PDB file of N, CA and C in Angstrom:
ATOM      1  N   UNK A   1    -245.432 146.627  59.260  1.00  0.00           N
ATOM      2  CA  UNK A   1    -244.558 145.837  58.416  1.00  0.00           C
ATOM      3  C   UNK A   1    -244.402 146.478  57.037  1.00  0.00           C
ATOM      4  N   UNK A   2    -245.482 146.998  56.486  1.00  0.00           N
ATOM      5  CA  UNK A   2    -245.413 147.601  55.154  1.00  0.00           C
ATOM      6  C   UNK A   2    -244.456 148.793  55.144  1.00  0.00           C
ATOM      7  N   UNK A   3    -244.430 149.563  56.232  1.00  0.00           N
ATOM      8  CA  UNK A   3    -243.518 150.704  56.285  1.00  0.00           C
ATOM      9  C   UNK A   3    -242.068 150.253  56.305  1.00  0.00           C
ATOM     10  N   UNK A   4    -241.776 149.162  56.998  1.00  0.00           N
ATOM     11  CA  UNK A   4    -240.411 148.619  57.020  1.00  0.00           C
ATOM     12  C   UNK A   4    -240.007 148.148  55.632  1.00  0.00           C
ATOM     13  N   UNK A   5    -240.927 147.505  54.934  1.00  0.00           N
ATOM     14  CA  UNK A   5    -240.639 147.031  53.578  1.00  0.00           C
ATOM     15  C   UNK A   5    -240.416 148.225  52.645  1.00  0.00           C
ATOM     16  N   UNK A   6    -241.265 149.242  52.744  1.00  0.00           N
ATOM     17  CA  UNK A   6    -241.109 150.428  51.899  1.00  0.00           C
ATOM     18  C   UNK A   6    -239.772 151.118  52.154  1.00  0.00           C
ATOM     19  N   UNK A   7    -239.357 151.170  53.414  1.00  0.00           N
ATOM     20  CA  UNK A   7    -238.068 151.787  53.749  1.00  0.00           C
ATOM     21  C   UNK A   7    -236.915 150.992  53.135  1.00  0.00           C
ATOM     22  N   UNK A   8    -236.974 149.677  53.214  1.00  0.00           N
ATOM     23  CA  UNK A   8    -235.926 148.834  52.636  1.00  0.00           C
ATOM     24  C   UNK A   8    -235.908 148.927  51.112  1.00  0.00           C
ATOM     25  N   UNK A   9    -237.084 149.041  50.494  1.00  0.00           N
ATOM     26  CA  UNK A   9    -237.154 149.207  49.037  1.00  0.00           C
ATOM     27  C   UNK A   9    -236.522 150.538  48.640  1.00  0.00           C
ATOM     28  N   UNK A  10    -236.764 151.582  49.417  1.00  0.00           N
ATOM     29  CA  UNK A  10    -236.157 152.889  49.128  1.00  0.00           C
ATOM     30  C   UNK A  10    -234.632 152.802  49.204  1.00  0.00           C
ATOM     31  N   UNK A  11    -234.111 152.103  50.192  1.00  0.00           N
ATOM     32  CA  UNK A  11    -232.663 151.915  50.316  1.00  0.00           C
ATOM     33  C   UNK A  11    -232.136 151.126  49.126  1.00  0.00           C
ATOM     34  N   UNK A  12    -232.845 150.053  48.775  1.00  0.00           N
ATOM     35  CA  UNK A  12    -232.420 149.209  47.665  1.00  0.00           C
ATOM     36  C   UNK A  12    -232.404 149.989  46.348  1.00  0.00           C
ATOM     37  N   UNK A  13    -233.444 150.781  46.083  1.00  0.00           N
ATOM     38  CA  UNK A  13    -233.499 151.537  44.824  1.00  0.00           C
ATOM     39  C   UNK A  13    -232.382 152.577  44.765  1.00  0.00           C
ATOM     40  N   UNK A  14    -232.036 153.167  45.906  1.00  0.00           N
ATOM     41  CA  UNK A  14    -230.913 154.116  45.925  1.00  0.00           C
ATOM     42  C   UNK A  14    -229.595 153.409  45.659  1.00  0.00           C
ATOM     43  N   UNK A  15    -229.384 152.268  46.293  1.00  0.00           N
ATOM     44  CA  UNK A  15    -228.132 151.522  46.119  1.00  0.00           C
ATOM     45  C   UNK A  15    -227.933 151.069  44.679  1.00  0.00           C
ATOM     46  N   UNK A  16    -229.011 150.677  44.018  1.00  0.00           N
ATOM     47  CA  UNK A  16    -228.911 150.113  42.679  1.00  0.00           C
ATOM     48  C   UNK A  16    -229.325 151.096  41.586  1.00  0.00           C
ATOM     49  N   UNK A  17    -229.498 152.349  41.969  1.00  0.00           N
ATOM     50  CA  UNK A  17    -229.811 153.432  41.038  1.00  0.00           C
ATOM     51  C   UNK A  17    -231.018 153.124  40.151  1.00  0.00           C
ATOM     52  N   UNK A  18    -232.071 152.634  40.776  1.00  0.00           N
ATOM     53  CA  UNK A  18    -233.319 152.364  40.066  1.00  0.00           C
ATOM     54  C   UNK A  18    -234.159 153.642  40.134  1.00  0.00           C
ATOM     55  N   UNK A  19    -234.505 154.225  38.999  1.00  0.00           N
ATOM     56  CA  UNK A  19    -235.290 155.467  39.018  1.00  0.00           C
ATOM     57  C   UNK A  19    -236.702 155.239  39.556  1.00  0.00           C
ATOM     58  N   UNK A  20    -237.250 156.280  40.175  1.00  0.00           N
ATOM     59  CA  UNK A  20    -238.602 156.192  40.740  1.00  0.00           C
ATOM     60  C   UNK A  20    -239.637 155.830  39.687  1.00  0.00           C
ATOM     61  N   UNK A  21    -239.408 156.242  38.454  1.00  0.00           N
ATOM     62  CA  UNK A  21    -240.367 155.963  37.387  1.00  0.00           C
ATOM     63  C   UNK A  21    -240.316 154.508  36.921  1.00  0.00           C
ATOM     64  N   UNK A  22    -239.343 153.734  37.395  1.00  0.00           N
ATOM     65  CA  UNK A  22    -239.172 152.352  36.933  1.00  0.00           C
ATOM     66  C   UNK A  22    -239.940 151.332  37.762  1.00  0.00           C
ATOM     67  N   UNK A  23    -240.565 151.777  38.846  1.00  0.00           N
ATOM     68  CA  UNK A  23    -241.279 150.826  39.688  1.00  0.00           C
ATOM     69  C   UNK A  23    -242.503 151.476  40.332  1.00  0.00           C
ATOM     70  N   UNK A  24    -243.406 150.625  40.779  1.00  0.00           N
ATOM     71  CA  UNK A  24    -244.565 151.083  41.542  1.00  0.00           C
ATOM     72  C   UNK A  24    -244.770 150.093  42.679  1.00  0.00           C
ATOM     73  N   UNK A  25    -245.409 150.548  43.738  1.00  0.00           N
ATOM     74  CA  UNK A  25    -245.653 149.667  44.868  1.00  0.00           C
ATOM     75  C   UNK A  25    -246.966 150.025  45.543  1.00  0.00           C
ATOM     76  N   UNK A  26    -247.573 148.997  46.116  1.00  0.00           N
ATOM     77  CA  UNK A  26    -248.812 149.194  46.859  1.00  0.00           C
ATOM     78  C   UNK A  26    -249.003 148.019  47.800  1.00  0.00           C
ATOM     79  N   UNK A  27    -249.791 148.237  48.833  1.00  0.00           N
ATOM     80  CA  UNK A  27    -250.089 147.190  49.806  1.00  0.00           C
ATOM     81  C   UNK A  27    -251.573 146.897  49.748  1.00  0.00           C
ATOM     82  N   UNK A  28    -251.916 145.639  49.520  1.00  0.00           N
ATOM     83  CA  UNK A  28    -253.308 145.206  49.445  1.00  0.00           C
ATOM     84  C   UNK A  28    -253.466 143.971  50.314  1.00  0.00           C
ATOM     85  N   UNK A  29    -254.389 144.029  51.243  1.00  0.00           N
ATOM     86  CA  UNK A  29    -254.685 142.889  52.111  1.00  0.00           C
ATOM     87  C   UNK A  29    -253.433 142.291  52.731  1.00  0.00           C
ATOM     88  N   UNK A  30    -252.626 143.152  53.353  1.00  0.00           N
ATOM     89  CA  UNK A  30    -251.402 142.745  54.055  1.00  0.00           C
ATOM     90  C   UNK A  30    -250.328 142.158  53.142  1.00  0.00           C
ATOM     91  N   UNK A  31    -250.451 142.372  51.846  1.00  0.00           N
ATOM     92  CA  UNK A  31    -249.442 141.924  50.888  1.00  0.00           C
ATOM     93  C   UNK A  31    -248.896 143.148  50.176  1.00  0.00           C
ATOM     94  N   UNK A  32    -247.595 143.342  50.268  1.00  0.00           N
ATOM     95  CA  UNK A  32    -246.968 144.481  49.595  1.00  0.00           C
ATOM     96  C   UNK A  32    -246.546 144.041  48.202  1.00  0.00           C
ATOM     97  N   UNK A  33    -246.910 144.827  47.200  1.00  0.00           N
ATOM     98  CA  UNK A  33    -246.613 144.495  45.813  1.00  0.00           C
ATOM     99  C   UNK A  33    -245.661 145.533  45.238  1.00  0.00           C
ATOM    100  N   UNK A  34    -244.626 145.033  44.608  1.00  0.00           N
ATOM    101  CA  UNK A  34    -243.640 145.878  43.950  1.00  0.00           C
ATOM    102  C   UNK A  34    -243.605 145.475  42.484  1.00  0.00           C
ATOM    103  N   UNK A  35    -243.860 146.424  41.611  1.00  0.00           N
ATOM    104  CA  UNK A  35    -243.884 146.135  40.182  1.00  0.00           C
ATOM    105  C   UNK A  35    -242.843 146.959  39.450  1.00  0.00           C
ATOM    106  N   UNK A  36    -242.236 146.361  38.446  1.00  0.00           N
ATOM    107  CA  UNK A  36    -241.235 147.043  37.633  1.00  0.00           C
ATOM    108  C   UNK A  36    -241.747 147.155  36.201  1.00  0.00           C
ATOM    109  N   UNK A  37    -241.313 148.202  35.509  1.00  0.00           N
ATOM    110  CA  UNK A  37    -241.737 148.368  34.120  1.00  0.00           C
ATOM    111  C   UNK A  37    -240.666 147.921  33.133  1.00  0.00           C
ATOM    112  N   UNK A  38    -239.621 147.245  33.642  1.00  0.00           N
ATOM    113  CA  UNK A  38    -238.555 146.742  32.779  1.00  0.00           C
ATOM    114  C   UNK A  38    -238.066 145.417  33.356  1.00  0.00           C
ATOM    115  N   UNK A  39    -237.902 144.421  32.510  1.00  0.00           N
ATOM    116  CA  UNK A  39    -237.518 143.086  32.973  1.00  0.00           C
ATOM    117  C   UNK A  39    -236.159 143.055  33.656  1.00  0.00           C
ATOM    118  N   UNK A  40    -235.270 143.972  33.297  1.00  0.00           N
ATOM    119  CA  UNK A  40    -233.943 143.949  33.910  1.00  0.00           C
ATOM    120  C   UNK A  40    -234.017 144.218  35.412  1.00  0.00           C
ATOM    121  N   UNK A  41    -235.023 144.958  35.847  1.00  0.00           N
ATOM    122  CA  UNK A  41    -235.152 145.226  37.280  1.00  0.00           C
ATOM    123  C   UNK A  41    -235.679 144.009  38.038  1.00  0.00           C
ATOM    124  N   UNK A  42    -236.485 143.180  37.395  1.00  0.00           N
ATOM    125  CA  UNK A  42    -236.906 141.928  38.027  1.00  0.00           C
ATOM    126  C   UNK A  42    -235.690 141.060  38.307  1.00  0.00           C
ATOM    127  N   UNK A  43    -234.791 140.951  37.335  1.00  0.00           N
ATOM    128  CA  UNK A  43    -233.574 140.158  37.504  1.00  0.00           C
ATOM    129  C   UNK A  43    -232.680 140.752  38.582  1.00  0.00           C
ATOM    130  N   UNK A  44    -232.471 142.047  38.531  1.00  0.00           N
ATOM    131  CA  UNK A  44    -231.638 142.725  39.529  1.00  0.00           C
ATOM    132  C   UNK A  44    -232.202 142.520  40.923  1.00  0.00           C
ATOM    133  N   UNK A  45    -233.508 142.683  41.053  1.00  0.00           N
ATOM    134  CA  UNK A  45    -234.150 142.523  42.356  1.00  0.00           C
ATOM    135  C   UNK A  45    -233.970 141.104  42.882  1.00  0.00           C
ATOM    136  N   UNK A  46    -234.238 140.124  42.046  1.00  0.00           N
ATOM    137  CA  UNK A  46    -234.163 138.734  42.508  1.00  0.00           C
ATOM    138  C   UNK A  46    -232.735 138.330  42.873  1.00  0.00           C
ATOM    139  N   UNK A  47    -231.738 138.940  42.248  1.00  0.00           N
ATOM    140  CA  UNK A  47    -230.347 138.599  42.550  1.00  0.00           C
ATOM    141  C   UNK A  47    -229.784 139.347  43.755  1.00  0.00           C
ATOM    142  N   UNK A  48    -230.380 140.486  44.107  1.00  0.00           N
ATOM    143  CA  UNK A  48    -229.770 141.323  45.136  1.00  0.00           C
ATOM    144  C   UNK A  48    -230.615 141.521  46.391  1.00  0.00           C
ATOM    145  N   UNK A  49    -231.878 141.217  46.351  1.00  0.00           N
ATOM    146  CA  UNK A  49    -232.755 141.458  47.515  1.00  0.00           C
ATOM    147  C   UNK A  49    -232.580 140.358  48.546  1.00  0.00           C
ATOM    148  N   UNK A  50    -232.320 140.751  49.804  1.00  0.00           N
ATOM    149  CA  UNK A  50    -232.141 139.763  50.863  1.00  0.00           C
ATOM    150  C   UNK A  50    -232.782 140.183  52.186  1.00  0.00           C
ATOM    151  N   UNK A  51    -233.656 141.154  52.158  1.00  0.00           N
ATOM    152  CA  UNK A  51    -234.238 141.682  53.398  1.00  0.00           C
ATOM    153  C   UNK A  51    -235.484 140.928  53.848  1.00  0.00           C
ATOM    154  N   UNK A  52    -236.400 140.671  52.971  1.00  0.00           N
ATOM    155  CA  UNK A  52    -237.656 139.988  53.283  1.00  0.00           C
ATOM    156  C   UNK A  52    -237.888 138.912  52.233  1.00  0.00           C
ATOM    157  N   UNK A  53    -238.655 137.908  52.596  1.00  0.00           N
ATOM    158  CA  UNK A  53    -239.013 136.871  51.614  1.00  0.00           C
ATOM    159  C   UNK A  53    -239.872 137.506  50.521  1.00  0.00           C
ATOM    160  N   UNK A  54    -239.731 137.023  49.297  1.00  0.00           N
ATOM    161  CA  UNK A  54    -240.518 137.564  48.193  1.00  0.00           C
ATOM    162  C   UNK A  54    -240.873 136.455  47.227  1.00  0.00           C
ATOM    163  N   UNK A  55    -241.823 136.779  46.361  1.00  0.00           N
ATOM    164  CA  UNK A  55    -242.273 135.856  45.332  1.00  0.00           C
ATOM    165  C   UNK A  55    -242.489 136.667  44.064  1.00  0.00           C
ATOM    166  N   UNK A  56    -241.948 136.202  42.958  1.00  0.00           N
ATOM    167  CA  UNK A  56    -242.134 136.877  41.677  1.00  0.00           C
ATOM    168  C   UNK A  56    -243.331 136.244  40.986  1.00  0.00           C
ATOM    169  N   UNK A  57    -244.272 137.090  40.585  1.00  0.00           N
ATOM    170  CA  UNK A  57    -245.510 136.629  39.969  1.00  0.00           C
ATOM    171  C   UNK A  57    -245.638 137.279  38.600  1.00  0.00           C
ATOM    172  N   UNK A  58    -245.954 136.478  37.591  1.00  0.00           N
ATOM    173  CA  UNK A  58    -246.219 137.005  36.263  1.00  0.00           C
ATOM    174  C   UNK A  58    -247.668 137.448  36.224  1.00  0.00           C
ATOM    175  N   UNK A  59    -247.889 138.735  36.059  1.00  0.00           N
ATOM    176  CA  UNK A  59    -249.262 139.256  36.112  1.00  0.00           C
ATOM    177  C   UNK A  59    -249.807 139.578  34.727  1.00  0.00           C
ATOM    178  N   UNK A  60    -249.194 139.063  33.695  1.00  0.00           N
ATOM    179  CA  UNK A  60    -249.622 139.382  32.331  1.00  0.00           C
ATOM    180  C   UNK A  60    -251.095 139.037  32.095  1.00  0.00           C
ATOM    181  N   UNK A  61    -251.557 137.937  32.666  1.00  0.00           N
ATOM    182  CA  UNK A  61    -252.939 137.522  32.455  1.00  0.00           C
ATOM    183  C   UNK A  61    -253.790 137.662  33.689  1.00  0.00           C
ATOM    184  N   UNK A  62    -253.300 138.401  34.674  1.00  0.00           N
ATOM    185  CA  UNK A  62    -254.042 138.574  35.917  1.00  0.00           C
ATOM    186  C   UNK A  62    -254.348 140.039  36.129  1.00  0.00           C
ATOM    187  N   UNK A  63    -255.370 140.293  36.885  1.00  0.00           N
ATOM    188  CA  UNK A  63    -255.723 141.675  37.219  1.00  0.00           C
ATOM    189  C   UNK A  63    -254.816 142.122  38.347  1.00  0.00           C
ATOM    190  N   UNK A  64    -254.092 143.212  38.149  1.00  0.00           N
ATOM    191  CA  UNK A  64    -253.149 143.694  39.156  1.00  0.00           C
ATOM    192  C   UNK A  64    -253.705 144.888  39.857  1.00  0.00           C
TER     193      UNK A  64
END
């Protein structure tokens, strides 16, 4: 499943011209995490992503 999600994220970043340096991703305990270093990408992602269910989490006070 993680490979399918990574493939869809790669397609999405190409379509929306998101640079590789603008995001990071990792899979921990069957949960794939996608992080952005700019708030505009959180908005873009939430408005345009329709492949898999997702949840936006504020990690400012949490260990990521």
